[in-house]
Amino acid sequence: TRATADRGGWRWRIPLQERMGNGYVYASAFVSEDEVHRRLVEGAEGEA
């Protein structure tokens, strides 16, 4: 697994056989959901 620290939390990358699991765990008191959404989409590998 890869855990990448980001501006308001961290992003996960979990490799499966048929897809990649991606996510962003964050603190809503420090970063907006819009910014998290943008950072997650930009940092993810492959097509959503």
All heavy atoms as atom14 arrays in JSON, in Angstrom:
{
  "sequence": "TRATADRGGWRWRIPLQERMGNGYVYASAFVSEDEVHRRLVEGAEGEA",
  "atom14_mask": [
    [1, 1, 1, 1, 1, 1, 1, 0, 0, 0, 0, 0, 0, 0],
    [1, 1, 1, 1, 1, 1, 1, 1, 1, 1, 1, 0, 0, 0],
    [1, 1, 1, 1, 1, 0, 0, 0, 0, 0, 0, 0, 0, 0],
    [1, 1, 1, 1, 1, 1, 1, 0, 0, 0, 0, 0, 0, 0],
    [1, 1, 1, 1, 1, 0, 0, 0, 0, 0, 0, 0, 0, 0],
    [1, 1, 1, 1, 1, 1, 1, 1, 0, 0, 0, 0, 0, 0],
    [1, 1, 1, 1, 1, 1, 1, 1, 1, 1, 1, 0, 0, 0],
    [1, 1, 1, 1, 0, 0, 0, 0, 0, 0, 0, 0, 0, 0],
    [1, 1, 1, 1, 0, 0, 0, 0, 0, 0, 0, 0, 0, 0],
    [1, 1, 1, 1, 1, 1, 1, 1, 1, 1, 1, 1, 1, 1],
    [1, 1, 1, 1, 1, 1, 1, 1, 1, 1, 1, 0, 0, 0],
    [1, 1, 1, 1, 1, 1, 1, 1, 1, 1, 1, 1, 1, 1],
    [1, 1, 1, 1, 1, 1, 1, 1, 1, 1, 1, 0, 0, 0],
    [1, 1, 1, 1, 1, 1, 1, 1, 0, 0, 0, 0, 0, 0],
    [1, 1, 1, 1, 1, 1, 1, 0, 0, 0, 0, 0, 0, 0],
    [1, 1, 1, 1, 1, 1, 1, 1, 0, 0, 0, 0, 0, 0],
    [1, 1, 1, 1, 1, 1, 1, 1, 1, 0, 0, 0, 0, 0],
    [1, 1, 1, 1, 1, 1, 1, 1, 1, 0, 0, 0, 0, 0],
    [1, 1, 1, 1, 1, 1, 1, 1, 1, 1, 1, 0, 0, 0],
    [1, 1, 1, 1, 1, 1, 1, 1, 0, 0, 0, 0, 0, 0],
    [1, 1, 1, 1, 0, 0, 0, 0, 0, 0, 0, 0, 0, 0],
    [1, 1, 1, 1, 1, 1, 1, 1, 0, 0, 0, 0, 0, 0],
    [1, 1, 1, 1, 0, 0, 0, 0, 0, 0, 0, 0, 0, 0],
    [1, 1, 1, 1, 1, 1, 1, 1, 1, 1, 1, 1, 0, 0],
    [1, 1, 1, 1, 1, 1, 1, 0, 0, 0, 0, 0, 0, 0],
    [1, 1, 1, 1, 1, 1, 1, 1, 1, 1, 1, 1, 0, 0],
    [1, 1, 1, 1, 1, 0, 0, 0, 0, 0, 0, 0, 0, 0],
    [1, 1, 1, 1, 1, 1, 0, 0, 0, 0, 0, 0, 0, 0],
    [1, 1, 1, 1, 1, 0, 0, 0, 0, 0, 0, 0, 0, 0],
    [1, 1, 1, 1, 1, 1, 1, 1, 1, 1, 1, 0, 0, 0],
    [1, 1, 1, 1, 1, 1, 1, 0, 0, 0, 0, 0, 0, 0],
    [1, 1, 1, 1, 1, 1, 0, 0, 0, 0, 0, 0, 0, 0],
    [1, 1, 1, 1, 1, 1, 1, 1, 1, 0, 0, 0, 0, 0],
    [1, 1, 1, 1, 1, 1, 1, 1, 0, 0, 0, 0, 0, 0],
    [1, 1, 1, 1, 1, 1, 1, 1, 1, 0, 0, 0, 0, 0],
    [1, 1, 1, 1, 1, 1, 1, 0, 0, 0, 0, 0, 0, 0],
    [1, 1, 1, 1, 1, 1, 1, 1, 1, 1, 0, 0, 0, 0],
    [1, 1, 1, 1, 1, 1, 1, 1, 1, 1, 1, 0, 0, 0],
    [1, 1, 1, 1, 1, 1, 1, 1, 1, 1, 1, 0, 0, 0],
    [1, 1, 1, 1, 1, 1, 1, 1, 0, 0, 0, 0, 0, 0],
    [1, 1, 1, 1, 1, 1, 1, 0, 0, 0, 0, 0, 0, 0],
    [1, 1, 1, 1, 1, 1, 1, 1, 1, 0, 0, 0, 0, 0],
    [1, 1, 1, 1, 0, 0, 0, 0, 0, 0, 0, 0, 0, 0],
    [1, 1, 1, 1, 1, 0, 0, 0, 0, 0, 0, 0, 0, 0],
    [1, 1, 1, 1, 1, 1, 1, 1, 1, 0, 0, 0, 0, 0],
    [1, 1, 1, 1, 0, 0, 0, 0, 0, 0, 0, 0, 0, 0],
    [1, 1, 1, 1, 1, 1, 1, 1, 1, 0, 0, 0, 0, 0],
    [1, 1, 1, 1, 1, 0, 0, 0, 0, 0, 0, 0, 0, 0]
  ],
  "atom14_positions": [
    [[0.85, -1.18, 0.0], [0.0, 0.0, 0.0], [0.89, 1.23, 0.0], [1.99, 1.2, 0.54], [-0.88, 0.02, 1.26], [-1.64, -1.19, 1.33], [-1.83, 1.19, 1.26], [0.0, 0.0, 0.0], [0.0, 0.0, 0.0], [0.0, 0.0, 0.0], [0.0, 0.0, 0.0], [0.0, 0.0, 0.0], [0.0, 0.0, 0.0], [0.0, 0.0, 0.0]],
    [[0.39, 2.32, -0.6], [1.12, 3.58, -0.51], [0.24, 4.61, 0.19], [-0.94, 4.75, -0.14], [1.51, 4.1, -1.89], [2.24, 5.47, -1.84], [2.64, 5.93, -3.22], [3.58, 4.98, -3.81], [3.58, 4.63, -5.1], [2.68, 5.13, -5.91], [4.48, 3.77, -5.55], [0.0, 0.0, 0.0], [0.0, 0.0, 0.0], [0.0, 0.0, 0.0]],
    [[0.83, 5.32, 1.16], [0.15, 6.41, 1.86], [0.97, 7.68, 1.65], [2.11, 7.78, 2.12], [0.03, 6.1, 3.34], [0.0, 0.0, 0.0], [0.0, 0.0, 0.0], [0.0, 0.0, 0.0], [0.0, 0.0, 0.0], [0.0, 0.0, 0.0], [0.0, 0.0, 0.0], [0.0, 0.0, 0.0], [0.0, 0.0, 0.0], [0.0, 0.0, 0.0]],
    [[0.4, 8.64, 0.94], [1.1, 9.87, 0.6], [0.51, 11.03, 1.4], [-0.68, 11.34, 1.27], [0.98, 10.17, -0.9], [1.52, 9.07, -1.65], [1.74, 11.44, -1.26], [0.0, 0.0, 0.0], [0.0, 0.0, 0.0], [0.0, 0.0, 0.0], [0.0, 0.0, 0.0], [0.0, 0.0, 0.0], [0.0, 0.0, 0.0], [0.0, 0.0, 0.0]],
    [[1.33, 11.65, 2.23], [0.87, 12.8, 3.0], [0.53, 13.94, 2.07], [1.24, 14.19, 1.09], [1.94, 13.22, 4.01], [0.0, 0.0, 0.0], [0.0, 0.0, 0.0], [0.0, 0.0, 0.0], [0.0, 0.0, 0.0], [0.0, 0.0, 0.0], [0.0, 0.0, 0.0], [0.0, 0.0, 0.0], [0.0, 0.0, 0.0], [0.0, 0.0, 0.0]],
    [[-0.55, 14.65, 2.38], [-1.0, 15.75, 1.53], [-1.3, 16.96, 2.41], [-1.09, 16.93, 3.63], [-2.21, 15.32, 0.71], [-2.29, 16.05, -0.63], [-2.49, 17.28, -0.61], [-2.16, 15.39, -1.68], [0.0, 0.0, 0.0], [0.0, 0.0, 0.0], [0.0, 0.0, 0.0], [0.0, 0.0, 0.0], [0.0, 0.0, 0.0], [0.0, 0.0, 0.0]],
    [[-1.84, 18.01, 1.81], [-1.97, 19.29, 2.5], [-2.84, 19.2, 3.75], [-2.54, 19.8, 4.77], [-2.53, 20.34, 1.54], [-1.58, 20.69, 0.4], [-2.17, 21.78, -0.48], [-2.49, 22.99, 0.29], [-1.61, 23.91, 0.64], [-0.33, 23.77, 0.32], [-1.99, 24.98, 1.32], [0.0, 0.0, 0.0], [0.0, 0.0, 0.0], [0.0, 0.0, 0.0]],
    [[-3.93, 18.46, 3.68], [-4.84, 18.4, 4.82], [-5.09, 17.01, 5.32], [-6.11, 16.74, 5.98], [0.0, 0.0, 0.0], [0.0, 0.0, 0.0], [0.0, 0.0, 0.0], [0.0, 0.0, 0.0], [0.0, 0.0, 0.0], [0.0, 0.0, 0.0], [0.0, 0.0, 0.0], [0.0, 0.0, 0.0], [0.0, 0.0, 0.0], [0.0, 0.0, 0.0]],
    [[-4.19, 16.08, 5.04], [-4.36, 14.69, 5.44], [-3.44, 13.8, 4.63], [-2.26, 14.09, 4.5], [0.0, 0.0, 0.0], [0.0, 0.0, 0.0], [0.0, 0.0, 0.0], [0.0, 0.0, 0.0], [0.0, 0.0, 0.0], [0.0, 0.0, 0.0], [0.0, 0.0, 0.0], [0.0, 0.0, 0.0], [0.0, 0.0, 0.0], [0.0, 0.0, 0.0]],
    [[-3.99, 12.74, 4.03], [-3.14, 11.84, 3.25], [-3.99, 11.08, 2.24], [-5.19, 10.92, 2.41], [-2.4, 10.86, 4.17], [-3.29, 9.99, 5.01], [-3.88, 10.34, 6.2], [-3.72, 8.65, 4.73], [-4.63, 9.29, 6.68], [-4.55, 8.25, 5.81], [-3.47, 7.76, 3.7], [-5.14, 6.99, 5.86], [-4.06, 6.49, 3.74], [-4.88, 6.12, 4.82]],
    [[-3.32, 10.59, 1.19], [-3.97, 9.85, 0.12], [-3.52, 8.39, 0.14], [-2.35, 8.11, 0.38], [-3.64, 10.46, -1.24], [-4.27, 11.82, -1.47], [-3.91, 12.42, -2.82], [-2.55, 12.96, -2.82], [-1.58, 12.51, -3.59], [-1.77, 11.47, -4.4], [-0.39, 13.07, -3.56], [0.0, 0.0, 0.0], [0.0, 0.0, 0.0], [0.0, 0.0, 0.0]],
    [[-4.47, 7.49, -0.08], [-4.09, 6.07, -0.13], [-4.12, 5.57, -1.58], [-4.85, 6.07, -2.42], [-4.97, 5.21, 0.76], [-6.36, 4.9, 0.26], [-6.71, 4.05, -0.75], [-7.59, 5.42, 0.79], [-8.08, 3.99, -0.89], [-8.65, 4.82, 0.04], [-7.92, 6.29, 1.82], [-9.99, 5.09, 0.3], [-9.26, 6.56, 2.08], [-10.26, 5.97, 1.32]],
    [[-3.31, 4.57, -1.82], [-3.26, 3.87, -3.11], [-3.2, 2.38, -2.79], [-2.23, 1.89, -2.21], [-2.03, 4.28, -3.91], [-1.84, 3.52, -5.23], [-0.52, 3.95, -5.87], [-0.25, 3.27, -7.13], [0.35, 2.08, -7.22], [0.72, 1.42, -6.13], [0.59, 1.55, -8.4], [0.0, 0.0, 0.0], [0.0, 0.0, 0.0], [0.0, 0.0, 0.0]],
    [[-4.25, 1.66, -3.15], [-4.37, 0.24, -2.82], [-4.52, -0.56, -4.11], [-5.54, -0.45, -4.81], [-5.58, 0.0, -1.9], [-5.4, 0.74, -0.57], [-5.77, -1.49, -1.64], [-6.61, 0.68, 0.33], [0.0, 0.0, 0.0], [0.0, 0.0, 0.0], [0.0, 0.0, 0.0], [0.0, 0.0, 0.0], [0.0, 0.0, 0.0], [0.0, 0.0, 0.0]],
    [[-3.53, -1.35, -4.49], [-3.58, -2.07, -5.76], [-4.32, -3.4, -5.66], [-3.99, -4.27, -4.85], [-2.09, -2.31, -6.07], [-1.44, -2.39, -4.72], [-2.22, -1.49, -3.81], [0.0, 0.0, 0.0], [0.0, 0.0, 0.0], [0.0, 0.0, 0.0], [0.0, 0.0, 0.0], [0.0, 0.0, 0.0], [0.0, 0.0, 0.0], [0.0, 0.0, 0.0]],
    [[-5.35, -3.56, -6.49], [-6.08, -4.82, -6.6], [-5.79, -5.43, -7.97], [-5.13, -4.82, -8.81], [-7.58, -4.58, -6.44], [-8.02, -3.84, -5.17], [-9.53, -3.67, -5.16], [-7.57, -4.57, -3.93], [0.0, 0.0, 0.0], [0.0, 0.0, 0.0], [0.0, 0.0, 0.0], [0.0, 0.0, 0.0], [0.0, 0.0, 0.0], [0.0, 0.0, 0.0]],
    [[-6.29, -6.62, -8.19], [-6.02, -7.27, -9.47], [-6.68, -6.54, -10.64], [-6.11, -6.45, -11.73], [-6.49, -8.73, -9.44], [-5.63, -9.65, -8.6], [-5.96, -11.11, -8.82], [-6.19, -11.55, -9.95], [-5.98, -11.88, -7.74], [0.0, 0.0, 0.0], [0.0, 0.0, 0.0], [0.0, 0.0, 0.0], [0.0, 0.0, 0.0], [0.0, 0.0, 0.0]],
    [[-7.88, -6.03, -10.43], [-8.66, -5.49, -11.54], [-8.87, -3.98, -11.49], [-9.45, -3.41, -12.41], [-10.02, -6.18, -11.6], [-9.91, -7.68, -11.8], [-11.25, -8.38, -11.73], [-12.04, -8.08, -10.81], [-11.52, -9.21, -12.61], [0.0, 0.0, 0.0], [0.0, 0.0, 0.0], [0.0, 0.0, 0.0], [0.0, 0.0, 0.0], [0.0, 0.0, 0.0]],
    [[-8.43, -3.35, -10.44], [-8.59, -1.9, -10.32], [-7.64, -1.38, -9.26], [-6.95, -2.15, -8.59], [-10.03, -1.54, -9.97], [-10.49, -2.05, -8.59], [-11.92, -1.62, -8.32], [-12.49, -2.22, -7.11], [-12.35, -1.72, -5.89], [-11.64, -0.62, -5.7], [-12.9, -2.32, -4.85], [0.0, 0.0, 0.0], [0.0, 0.0, 0.0], [0.0, 0.0, 0.0]],
    [[-7.63, -0.06, -9.13], [-6.82, 0.59, -8.1], [-7.76, 1.3, -7.13], [-8.66, 2.03, -7.56], [-5.87, 1.6, -8.74], [-4.77, 2.09, -7.84], [-3.5, 0.82, -7.55], [-2.75, 0.72, -9.18], [0.0, 0.0, 0.0], [0.0, 0.0, 0.0], [0.0, 0.0, 0.0], [0.0, 0.0, 0.0], [0.0, 0.0, 0.0], [0.0, 0.0, 0.0]],
    [[-7.56, 1.06, -5.85], [-8.33, 1.78, -4.85], [-7.59, 3.06, -4.47], [-6.4, 3.03, -4.16], [0.0, 0.0, 0.0], [0.0, 0.0, 0.0], [0.0, 0.0, 0.0], [0.0, 0.0, 0.0], [0.0, 0.0, 0.0], [0.0, 0.0, 0.0], [0.0, 0.0, 0.0], [0.0, 0.0, 0.0], [0.0, 0.0, 0.0], [0.0, 0.0, 0.0]],
    [[-8.3, 4.19, -4.5], [-7.7, 5.48, -4.16], [-8.59, 6.2, -3.16], [-9.82, 6.02, -3.16], [-7.56, 6.37, -5.39], [-6.85, 5.69, -6.54], [-5.64, 5.68, -6.61], [-7.63, 5.1, -7.46], [0.0, 0.0, 0.0], [0.0, 0.0, 0.0], [0.0, 0.0, 0.0], [0.0, 0.0, 0.0], [0.0, 0.0, 0.0], [0.0, 0.0, 0.0]],
    [[-7.99, 7.02, -2.34], [-8.79, 7.8, -1.4], [-7.97, 8.9, -0.77], [-6.73, 8.93, -0.88], [0.0, 0.0, 0.0], [0.0, 0.0, 0.0], [0.0, 0.0, 0.0], [0.0, 0.0, 0.0], [0.0, 0.0, 0.0], [0.0, 0.0, 0.0], [0.0, 0.0, 0.0], [0.0, 0.0, 0.0], [0.0, 0.0, 0.0], [0.0, 0.0, 0.0]],
    [[-8.66, 9.8, -0.11], [-8.03, 10.92, 0.58], [-8.7, 11.03, 1.94], [-9.9, 11.31, 2.03], [-8.22, 12.2, -0.24], [-7.35, 13.39, 0.16], [-6.68, 14.11, -0.81], [-7.23, 13.8, 1.49], [-5.9, 15.22, -0.48], [-6.45, 14.89, 1.84], [-5.78, 15.61, 0.86], [-5.01, 16.7, 1.19], [0.0, 0.0, 0.0], [0.0, 0.0, 0.0]],
    [[-7.95, 10.81, 3.01], [-8.41, 11.0, 4.37], [-7.99, 12.4, 4.81], [-6.82, 12.76, 4.68], [-7.8, 9.94, 5.31], [-8.2, 10.21, 6.77], [-8.24, 8.53, 4.9], [0.0, 0.0, 0.0], [0.0, 0.0, 0.0], [0.0, 0.0, 0.0], [0.0, 0.0, 0.0], [0.0, 0.0, 0.0], [0.0, 0.0, 0.0], [0.0, 0.0, 0.0]],
    [[-8.94, 13.18, 5.32], [-8.59, 14.57, 5.6], [-9.34, 15.12, 6.81], [-10.33, 14.52, 7.28], [-8.86, 15.45, 4.39], [-10.32, 15.61, 4.0], [-11.04, 16.75, 4.36], [-10.96, 14.64, 3.23], [-12.37, 16.9, 3.99], [-12.28, 14.79, 2.84], [-12.99, 15.93, 3.23], [-14.3, 16.07, 2.86], [0.0, 0.0, 0.0], [0.0, 0.0, 0.0]],
    [[-8.85, 16.24, 7.3], [-9.46, 16.94, 8.43], [-10.26, 18.12, 7.88], [-9.69, 19.07, 7.34], [-8.38, 17.42, 9.4], [0.0, 0.0, 0.0], [0.0, 0.0, 0.0], [0.0, 0.0, 0.0], [0.0, 0.0, 0.0], [0.0, 0.0, 0.0], [0.0, 0.0, 0.0], [0.0, 0.0, 0.0], [0.0, 0.0, 0.0], [0.0, 0.0, 0.0]],
    [[-11.58, 18.07, 8.03], [-12.43, 19.09, 7.43], [-12.21, 20.47, 8.05], [-12.58, 21.48, 7.45], [-13.9, 18.68, 7.57], [-14.26, 18.55, 8.94], [0.0, 0.0, 0.0], [0.0, 0.0, 0.0], [0.0, 0.0, 0.0], [0.0, 0.0, 0.0], [0.0, 0.0, 0.0], [0.0, 0.0, 0.0], [0.0, 0.0, 0.0], [0.0, 0.0, 0.0]],
    [[-11.61, 20.53, 9.22], [-11.33, 21.82, 9.85], [-10.16, 22.53, 9.19], [-9.96, 23.74, 9.4], [-11.03, 21.62, 11.34], [0.0, 0.0, 0.0], [0.0, 0.0, 0.0], [0.0, 0.0, 0.0], [0.0, 0.0, 0.0], [0.0, 0.0, 0.0], [0.0, 0.0, 0.0], [0.0, 0.0, 0.0], [0.0, 0.0, 0.0], [0.0, 0.0, 0.0]],
    [[-9.39, 21.82, 8.36], [-8.18, 22.4, 7.79], [-8.18, 22.48, 6.26], [-7.33, 23.16, 5.68], [-6.96, 21.58, 8.23], [-6.72, 21.63, 9.71], [-7.2, 20.63, 10.54], [-6.01, 22.67, 10.28], [-6.98, 20.66, 11.9], [-5.78, 22.72, 11.65], [-6.27, 21.71, 12.47], [0.0, 0.0, 0.0], [0.0, 0.0, 0.0], [0.0, 0.0, 0.0]],
    [[-9.07, 21.75, 5.61], [-9.06, 21.74, 4.14], [-10.48, 21.51, 3.65], [-11.28, 20.81, 4.3], [-8.1, 20.65, 3.62], [-8.58, 19.26, 4.02], [-7.92, 20.73, 2.11], [0.0, 0.0, 0.0], [0.0, 0.0, 0.0], [0.0, 0.0, 0.0], [0.0, 0.0, 0.0], [0.0, 0.0, 0.0], [0.0, 0.0, 0.0], [0.0, 0.0, 0.0]],
    [[-10.84, 22.1, 2.51], [-12.19, 21.97, 1.98], [-12.35, 20.69, 1.17], [-11.37, 20.15, 0.63], [-12.53, 23.17, 1.09], [-11.77, 23.13, -0.11], [0.0, 0.0, 0.0], [0.0, 0.0, 0.0], [0.0, 0.0, 0.0], [0.0, 0.0, 0.0], [0.0, 0.0, 0.0], [0.0, 0.0, 0.0], [0.0, 0.0, 0.0], [0.0, 0.0, 0.0]],
    [[-13.59, 20.23, 1.05], [-13.85, 19.03, 0.26], [-13.53, 19.27, -1.2], [-13.06, 18.37, -1.91], [-15.3, 18.58, 0.42], [-15.61, 17.29, -0.33], [-16.99, 16.75, -0.07], [-17.5, 16.9, 1.05], [-17.57, 16.18, -1.02], [0.0, 0.0, 0.0], [0.0, 0.0, 0.0], [0.0, 0.0, 0.0], [0.0, 0.0, 0.0], [0.0, 0.0, 0.0]],
    [[-13.75, 20.49, -1.68], [-13.45, 20.79, -3.09], [-11.96, 20.62, -3.38], [-11.57, 20.06, -4.41], [-13.88, 22.22, -3.42], [-15.39, 22.37, -3.51], [-16.07, 21.34, -3.63], [-15.87, 23.52, -3.42], [0.0, 0.0, 0.0], [0.0, 0.0, 0.0], [0.0, 0.0, 0.0], [0.0, 0.0, 0.0], [0.0, 0.0, 0.0], [0.0, 0.0, 0.0]],
    [[-11.11, 21.11, -2.46], [-9.67, 20.96, -2.67], [-9.26, 19.5, -2.58], [-8.44, 19.02, -3.37], [-8.88, 21.78, -1.65], [-7.38, 21.67, -1.87], [-6.56, 22.52, -0.91], [-7.16, 23.23, -0.08], [-5.32, 22.46, -1.0], [0.0, 0.0, 0.0], [0.0, 0.0, 0.0], [0.0, 0.0, 0.0], [0.0, 0.0, 0.0], [0.0, 0.0, 0.0]],
    [[-9.85, 18.77, -1.64], [-9.55, 17.35, -1.5], [-9.95, 16.61, -2.77], [-9.2, 15.76, -3.28], [-10.28, 16.76, -0.27], [-10.23, 15.24, -0.29], [-9.65, 17.29, 1.02], [0.0, 0.0, 0.0], [0.0, 0.0, 0.0], [0.0, 0.0, 0.0], [0.0, 0.0, 0.0], [0.0, 0.0, 0.0], [0.0, 0.0, 0.0], [0.0, 0.0, 0.0]],
    [[-11.13, 16.92, -3.29], [-11.6, 16.28, -4.52], [-10.61, 16.52, -5.65], [-10.23, 15.58, -6.39], [-12.98, 16.85, -4.88], [-13.63, 16.21, -6.06], [-13.22, 16.44, -7.36], [-14.67, 15.33, -6.15], [-13.97, 15.75, -8.19], [-14.87, 15.07, -7.48], [0.0, 0.0, 0.0], [0.0, 0.0, 0.0], [0.0, 0.0, 0.0], [0.0, 0.0, 0.0]],
    [[-10.17, 17.76, -5.79], [-9.23, 18.09, -6.87], [-7.91, 17.36, -6.69], [-7.38, 16.78, -7.65], [-9.0, 19.6, -6.88], [-7.99, 20.07, -7.94], [-7.85, 21.58, -7.92], [-7.37, 22.07, -6.65], [-6.09, 22.05, -6.28], [-5.15, 21.56, -7.09], [-5.72, 22.53, -5.1], [0.0, 0.0, 0.0], [0.0, 0.0, 0.0], [0.0, 0.0, 0.0]],
    [[-7.38, 17.36, -5.48], [-6.1, 16.71, -5.22], [-6.19, 15.2, -5.43], [-5.25, 14.57, -5.94], [-5.63, 17.01, -3.8], [-5.43, 18.48, -3.48], [-4.11, 19.01, -3.97], [-2.97, 18.4, -3.28], [-1.71, 18.73, -3.53], [-1.44, 19.63, -4.46], [-0.72, 18.16, -2.87], [0.0, 0.0, 0.0], [0.0, 0.0, 0.0], [0.0, 0.0, 0.0]],
    [[-7.3, 14.6, -5.05], [-7.49, 13.16, -5.23], [-7.52, 12.8, -6.7], [-6.83, 11.87, -7.15], [-8.77, 12.7, -4.54], [-9.2, 11.25, -4.77], [-8.13, 10.28, -4.27], [-10.54, 10.97, -4.1], [0.0, 0.0, 0.0], [0.0, 0.0, 0.0], [0.0, 0.0, 0.0], [0.0, 0.0, 0.0], [0.0, 0.0, 0.0], [0.0, 0.0, 0.0]],
    [[-8.32, 13.51, -7.47], [-8.45, 13.21, -8.89], [-7.13, 13.43, -9.62], [-6.72, 12.63, -10.47], [-9.58, 14.06, -9.51], [-9.6, 13.9, -11.03], [-10.93, 13.67, -8.92], [0.0, 0.0, 0.0], [0.0, 0.0, 0.0], [0.0, 0.0, 0.0], [0.0, 0.0, 0.0], [0.0, 0.0, 0.0], [0.0, 0.0, 0.0], [0.0, 0.0, 0.0]],
    [[-6.45, 14.52, -9.29], [-5.18, 14.82, -9.95], [-4.1, 13.79, -9.6], [-3.25, 13.46, -10.43], [-4.7, 16.22, -9.54], [-5.51, 17.35, -10.14], [-5.03, 18.72, -9.65], [-4.16, 18.75, -8.75], [-5.52, 19.73, -10.17], [0.0, 0.0, 0.0], [0.0, 0.0, 0.0], [0.0, 0.0, 0.0], [0.0, 0.0, 0.0], [0.0, 0.0, 0.0]],
    [[-4.12, 13.28, -8.38], [-3.06, 12.38, -7.93], [-3.29, 10.91, -8.23], [-2.37, 10.09, -8.09], [0.0, 0.0, 0.0], [0.0, 0.0, 0.0], [0.0, 0.0, 0.0], [0.0, 0.0, 0.0], [0.0, 0.0, 0.0], [0.0, 0.0, 0.0], [0.0, 0.0, 0.0], [0.0, 0.0, 0.0], [0.0, 0.0, 0.0], [0.0, 0.0, 0.0]],
    [[-4.52, 10.55, -8.61], [-4.84, 9.15, -8.84], [-4.31, 8.66, -10.18], [-4.26, 9.41, -11.15], [-6.35, 8.93, -8.76], [0.0, 0.0, 0.0], [0.0, 0.0, 0.0], [0.0, 0.0, 0.0], [0.0, 0.0, 0.0], [0.0, 0.0, 0.0], [0.0, 0.0, 0.0], [0.0, 0.0, 0.0], [0.0, 0.0, 0.0], [0.0, 0.0, 0.0]],
    [[-3.93, 7.39, -10.23], [-3.5, 6.76, -11.46], [-4.71, 6.16, -12.18], [-5.62, 5.66, -11.55], [-2.48, 5.66, -11.16], [-1.24, 6.14, -10.44], [-0.34, 4.98, -10.02], [-0.51, 3.87, -10.58], [0.5, 5.17, -9.13], [0.0, 0.0, 0.0], [0.0, 0.0, 0.0], [0.0, 0.0, 0.0], [0.0, 0.0, 0.0], [0.0, 0.0, 0.0]],
    [[-4.69, 6.19, -13.5], [-5.76, 5.57, -14.27], [-6.99, 6.46, -14.38], [-7.04, 7.59, -13.87], [0.0, 0.0, 0.0], [0.0, 0.0, 0.0], [0.0, 0.0, 0.0], [0.0, 0.0, 0.0], [0.0, 0.0, 0.0], [0.0, 0.0, 0.0], [0.0, 0.0, 0.0], [0.0, 0.0, 0.0], [0.0, 0.0, 0.0], [0.0, 0.0, 0.0]],
    [[-8.02, 5.94, -15.03], [-9.27, 6.66, -15.22], [-10.26, 6.28, -14.14], [-10.35, 5.12, -13.72], [-9.86, 6.34, -16.6], [-8.98, 6.75, -17.77], [-9.61, 6.41, -19.11], [-10.77, 5.94, -19.11], [-8.96, 6.61, -20.14], [0.0, 0.0, 0.0], [0.0, 0.0, 0.0], [0.0, 0.0, 0.0], [0.0, 0.0, 0.0], [0.0, 0.0, 0.0]],
    [[-11.02, 7.26, -13.67], [-11.99, 7.02, -12.61], [-13.08, 6.06, -13.07], [-13.62, 6.2, -14.18], [-12.6, 8.34, -12.16], [0.0, 0.0, 0.0], [0.0, 0.0, 0.0], [0.0, 0.0, 0.0], [0.0, 0.0, 0.0], [0.0, 0.0, 0.0], [0.0, 0.0, 0.0], [0.0, 0.0, 0.0], [0.0, 0.0, 0.0], [0.0, 0.0, 0.0]]
  ]
}
